[in-house]
Structure formats: structure tokens, C-alpha cells
């Protein structure tokens, strides 16, 4: 029987080297820690939906030639993160981490957890 892959798996098979390594690390992190979040491809990036309607948010992961990007609509938190990273970029809703800075992954893992927690608190008051 032929293996059926979801869109994210198809995307991962197209990547090589550092982009693939970084995407796999963060996709695995989301699947392990937040299995209830819907995983989709949006704007050619693995995306995890948080809420819907006017309460919606998301976390997406992108790669470029030399860096990994984390995207979110939590603009306030993204602004705070820019102070913690060596080369965060200029995007309003994203931060970048160069592939040669794997030590900064932990900052992104914490950001993911914090963004999700902030969303839960905002929506459910927990």
C-alpha cells in the first residue's frame, strides 16, 4: 500500500541540509508538545493554528538561504524577542535565527511555549 503523506511531510522531503534540519526540529517539537493544534501548510510554511476568528493566532516556521524564521501574530511578543536574538530581522510578525546559531533555538522553544500560553490566557482566562 502506498504511503500517504500530509502537506508538511511533502514539504520536508523537498528540503536539504540546515533548512531541513531546523524545520524537522521545530515540527517535531510542535507535534510532541502541542499535538492538538491543527498543522497545515500556509504561505508555503508549516503552520500551527491557535484559535479562530478574531481570536486567531498562529505559529509558522520558514527557512531562507541562511536562516530560520518563526512567525506569529503576537506582535508584542515578537518585538520582545528581537532583543534576545543576534540577528532577528525586521519583520513585524517574525524573528530570524541564522543557521549557524543553534544555541538560539532554546529562545525560540520558549517563545513558542509563551505565545501559546499567552493565547490560552487571553481566550480562556487561565
C-alpha atoms as a PDB file:
ATOM      1  CA  UNK A   1       0.000   0.000   0.000  1.00  0.00           C
ATOM      2  CA  UNK A   2       1.298   3.451  -0.928  1.00  0.00           C
ATOM      3  CA  UNK A   3       2.268   5.755   1.967  1.00  0.00           C
ATOM      4  CA  UNK A   4       0.088   8.878   2.156  1.00  0.00           C
ATOM      5  CA  UNK A   5       1.938  12.000   3.302  1.00  0.00           C
ATOM      6  CA  UNK A   6       0.411  15.174   4.641  1.00  0.00           C
ATOM      7  CA  UNK A   7       1.407  18.539   3.138  1.00  0.00           C
ATOM      8  CA  UNK A   8       4.030  19.197   5.807  1.00  0.00           C
ATOM      9  CA  UNK A   9       5.730  15.852   5.139  1.00  0.00           C
ATOM     10  CA  UNK A  10       5.761  16.562   1.400  1.00  0.00           C
ATOM     11  CA  UNK A  11       7.327  19.966   2.124  1.00  0.00           C
ATOM     12  CA  UNK A  12      10.011  18.438   4.370  1.00  0.00           C
ATOM     13  CA  UNK A  13      11.015  15.956   1.662  1.00  0.00           C
ATOM     14  CA  UNK A  14      11.872  18.891  -0.606  1.00  0.00           C
ATOM     15  CA  UNK A  15      14.360  20.414   1.848  1.00  0.00           C
ATOM     16  CA  UNK A  16      18.031  19.583   2.388  1.00  0.00           C
ATOM     17  CA  UNK A  17      20.798  20.480   4.820  1.00  0.00           C
ATOM     18  CA  UNK A  18      20.295  23.084   7.538  1.00  0.00           C
ATOM     19  CA  UNK A  19      16.835  24.191   6.360  1.00  0.00           C
ATOM     20  CA  UNK A  20      15.570  20.609   6.642  1.00  0.00           C
ATOM     21  CA  UNK A  21      17.282  20.024   9.997  1.00  0.00           C
ATOM     22  CA  UNK A  22      15.814  23.173  11.564  1.00  0.00           C
ATOM     23  CA  UNK A  23      12.307  22.595  10.176  1.00  0.00           C
ATOM     24  CA  UNK A  24      12.308  18.990  11.419  1.00  0.00           C
ATOM     25  CA  UNK A  25      13.420  20.046  14.901  1.00  0.00           C
ATOM     26  CA  UNK A  26      10.640  22.601  15.269  1.00  0.00           C
ATOM     27  CA  UNK A  27       7.929  20.497  13.614  1.00  0.00           C
ATOM     28  CA  UNK A  28       8.827  17.597  15.916  1.00  0.00           C
ATOM     29  CA  UNK A  29       8.701  19.982  18.895  1.00  0.00           C
ATOM     30  CA  UNK A  30       5.193  21.113  17.963  1.00  0.00           C
ATOM     31  CA  UNK A  31       3.942  17.591  17.288  1.00  0.00           C
ATOM     32  CA  UNK A  32       5.318  16.332  20.603  1.00  0.00           C
ATOM     33  CA  UNK A  33       4.290  19.254  22.817  1.00  0.00           C
ATOM     34  CA  UNK A  34       1.134  20.521  21.085  1.00  0.00           C
ATOM     35  CA  UNK A  35      -0.442  17.557  19.277  1.00  0.00           C
ATOM     36  CA  UNK A  36      -3.915  19.117  19.481  1.00  0.00           C
ATOM     37  CA  UNK A  37      -3.002  22.130  17.343  1.00  0.00           C
ATOM     38  CA  UNK A  38      -4.013  21.872  13.711  1.00  0.00           C
ATOM     39  CA  UNK A  39      -0.960  21.504  11.451  1.00  0.00           C
ATOM     40  CA  UNK A  40      -1.314  22.941   7.940  1.00  0.00           C
ATOM     41  CA  UNK A  41       0.800  24.486   5.218  1.00  0.00           C
ATOM     42  CA  UNK A  42       0.098  28.203   4.867  1.00  0.00           C
ATOM     43  CA  UNK A  43       2.094  30.578   2.654  1.00  0.00           C
ATOM     44  CA  UNK A  44       4.426  27.614   1.977  1.00  0.00           C
ATOM     45  CA  UNK A  45       5.274  27.275   5.688  1.00  0.00           C
ATOM     46  CA  UNK A  46       4.362  24.659   8.302  1.00  0.00           C
ATOM     47  CA  UNK A  47       1.741  26.445  10.412  1.00  0.00           C
ATOM     48  CA  UNK A  48       0.027  25.644  13.704  1.00  0.00           C
ATOM     49  CA  UNK A  49      -3.333  27.305  14.273  1.00  0.00           C
ATOM     50  CA  UNK A  50      -4.213  28.839  17.631  1.00  0.00           C
ATOM     51  CA  UNK A  51      -7.862  29.809  17.941  1.00  0.00           C
ATOM     52  CA  UNK A  52     -10.109  31.087  15.176  1.00  0.00           C
ATOM     53  CA  UNK A  53     -11.965  34.192  14.091  1.00  0.00           C
ATOM     54  CA  UNK A  54     -10.865  37.431  15.711  1.00  0.00           C
ATOM     55  CA  UNK A  55      -9.163  35.382  18.463  1.00  0.00           C
ATOM     56  CA  UNK A  56      -6.953  33.566  15.969  1.00  0.00           C
ATOM     57  CA  UNK A  57      -3.207  33.391  16.075  1.00  0.00           C
ATOM     58  CA  UNK A  58      -0.678  31.026  14.605  1.00  0.00           C
ATOM     59  CA  UNK A  59       2.906  29.878  14.780  1.00  0.00           C
ATOM     60  CA  UNK A  60       4.649  29.243  11.457  1.00  0.00           C
ATOM     61  CA  UNK A  61       8.149  28.202  10.534  1.00  0.00           C
ATOM     62  CA  UNK A  62      10.022  29.313   7.445  1.00  0.00           C
ATOM     63  CA  UNK A  63      13.512  28.916   6.070  1.00  0.00           C
ATOM     64  CA  UNK A  64      15.680  31.007   3.785  1.00  0.00           C
ATOM     65  CA  UNK A  65      19.204  30.530   2.489  1.00  0.00           C
ATOM     66  CA  UNK A  66      20.923  31.383   5.774  1.00  0.00           C
ATOM     67  CA  UNK A  67      18.258  31.497   8.479  1.00  0.00           C
ATOM     68  CA  UNK A  68      15.191  30.001  10.133  1.00  0.00           C
ATOM     69  CA  UNK A  69      12.122  32.168  10.855  1.00  0.00           C
ATOM     70  CA  UNK A  70       9.390  31.935  13.467  1.00  0.00           C
ATOM     71  CA  UNK A  71       6.176  33.793  12.573  1.00  0.00           C
ATOM     72  CA  UNK A  72       3.275  34.754  14.840  1.00  0.00           C
ATOM     73  CA  UNK A  73       0.541  37.377  15.112  1.00  0.00           C
ATOM     74  CA  UNK A  74       1.607  38.028  18.720  1.00  0.00           C
ATOM     75  CA  UNK A  75       3.413  41.185  17.603  1.00  0.00           C
ATOM     76  CA  UNK A  76       4.080  42.348  21.157  1.00  0.00           C
ATOM     77  CA  UNK A  77       5.930  39.151  21.984  1.00  0.00           C
ATOM     78  CA  UNK A  78       7.804  39.157  18.673  1.00  0.00           C
ATOM     79  CA  UNK A  79       9.041  42.677  19.476  1.00  0.00           C
ATOM     80  CA  UNK A  80      10.327  41.480  22.860  1.00  0.00           C
ATOM     81  CA  UNK A  81      12.120  38.539  21.222  1.00  0.00           C
ATOM     82  CA  UNK A  82      14.073  40.781  18.879  1.00  0.00           C
ATOM     83  CA  UNK A  83      16.095  41.988  21.877  1.00  0.00           C
ATOM     84  CA  UNK A  84      17.163  38.414  22.707  1.00  0.00           C
ATOM     85  CA  UNK A  85      18.400  37.271  19.292  1.00  0.00           C
ATOM     86  CA  UNK A  86      21.648  38.067  17.474  1.00  0.00           C
ATOM     87  CA  UNK A  87      20.100  38.854  14.051  1.00  0.00           C
ATOM     88  CA  UNK A  88      16.305  38.937  14.481  1.00  0.00           C
ATOM     89  CA  UNK A  89      15.403  40.673  11.222  1.00  0.00           C
ATOM     90  CA  UNK A  90      12.909  43.477  10.703  1.00  0.00           C
ATOM     91  CA  UNK A  91       9.572  41.764  10.149  1.00  0.00           C
ATOM     92  CA  UNK A  92       6.685  42.836  12.383  1.00  0.00           C
ATOM     93  CA  UNK A  93       5.428  39.288  12.878  1.00  0.00           C
ATOM     94  CA  UNK A  94       8.595  37.233  12.652  1.00  0.00           C
ATOM     95  CA  UNK A  95      12.077  36.736  14.002  1.00  0.00           C
ATOM     96  CA  UNK A  96      15.035  35.126  12.272  1.00  0.00           C
ATOM     97  CA  UNK A  97      17.824  32.947  13.624  1.00  0.00           C
ATOM     98  CA  UNK A  98      20.898  32.223  11.488  1.00  0.00           C
ATOM     99  CA  UNK A  99      21.526  28.531  10.929  1.00  0.00           C
ATOM    100  CA  UNK A 100      24.956  28.973  12.497  1.00  0.00           C
ATOM    101  CA  UNK A 101      23.368  29.966  15.841  1.00  0.00           C
ATOM    102  CA  UNK A 102      21.821  26.684  17.085  1.00  0.00           C
ATOM    103  CA  UNK A 103      22.198  27.942  20.670  1.00  0.00           C
ATOM    104  CA  UNK A 104      19.346  30.372  19.919  1.00  0.00           C
ATOM    105  CA  UNK A 105      16.889  27.507  19.314  1.00  0.00           C
ATOM    106  CA  UNK A 106      16.111  27.440  23.043  1.00  0.00           C
ATOM    107  CA  UNK A 107      14.944  31.058  22.804  1.00  0.00           C
ATOM    108  CA  UNK A 108      12.531  30.012  20.061  1.00  0.00           C
ATOM    109  CA  UNK A 109      11.248  26.996  22.006  1.00  0.00           C
ATOM    110  CA  UNK A 110      10.493  29.278  24.964  1.00  0.00           C
ATOM    111  CA  UNK A 111       8.836  31.764  22.616  1.00  0.00           C
ATOM    112  CA  UNK A 112       6.570  29.050  21.216  1.00  0.00           C
ATOM    113  CA  UNK A 113       5.531  27.986  24.706  1.00  0.00           C
ATOM    114  CA  UNK A 114       4.983  31.589  25.811  1.00  0.00           C
ATOM    115  CA  UNK A 115       2.969  32.555  22.727  1.00  0.00           C
ATOM    116  CA  UNK A 116       0.696  29.536  23.170  1.00  0.00           C
ATOM    117  CA  UNK A 117       0.316  30.213  26.898  1.00  0.00           C
ATOM    118  CA  UNK A 118      -0.479  33.892  26.218  1.00  0.00           C
ATOM    119  CA  UNK A 119      -3.143  32.822  23.723  1.00  0.00           C
ATOM    120  CA  UNK A 120      -4.715  30.356  26.159  1.00  0.00           C
ATOM    121  CA  UNK A 121      -4.751  33.011  28.890  1.00  0.00           C
ATOM    122  CA  UNK A 122      -6.240  35.611  26.547  1.00  0.00           C
ATOM    123  CA  UNK A 123      -9.005  33.346  25.251  1.00  0.00           C
ATOM    124  CA  UNK A 124      -9.810  31.237  28.301  1.00  0.00           C
ATOM    125  CA  UNK A 125      -8.561  33.402  31.158  1.00  0.00           C
ATOM    126  CA  UNK A 126      -6.472  30.540  32.569  1.00  0.00           C
END
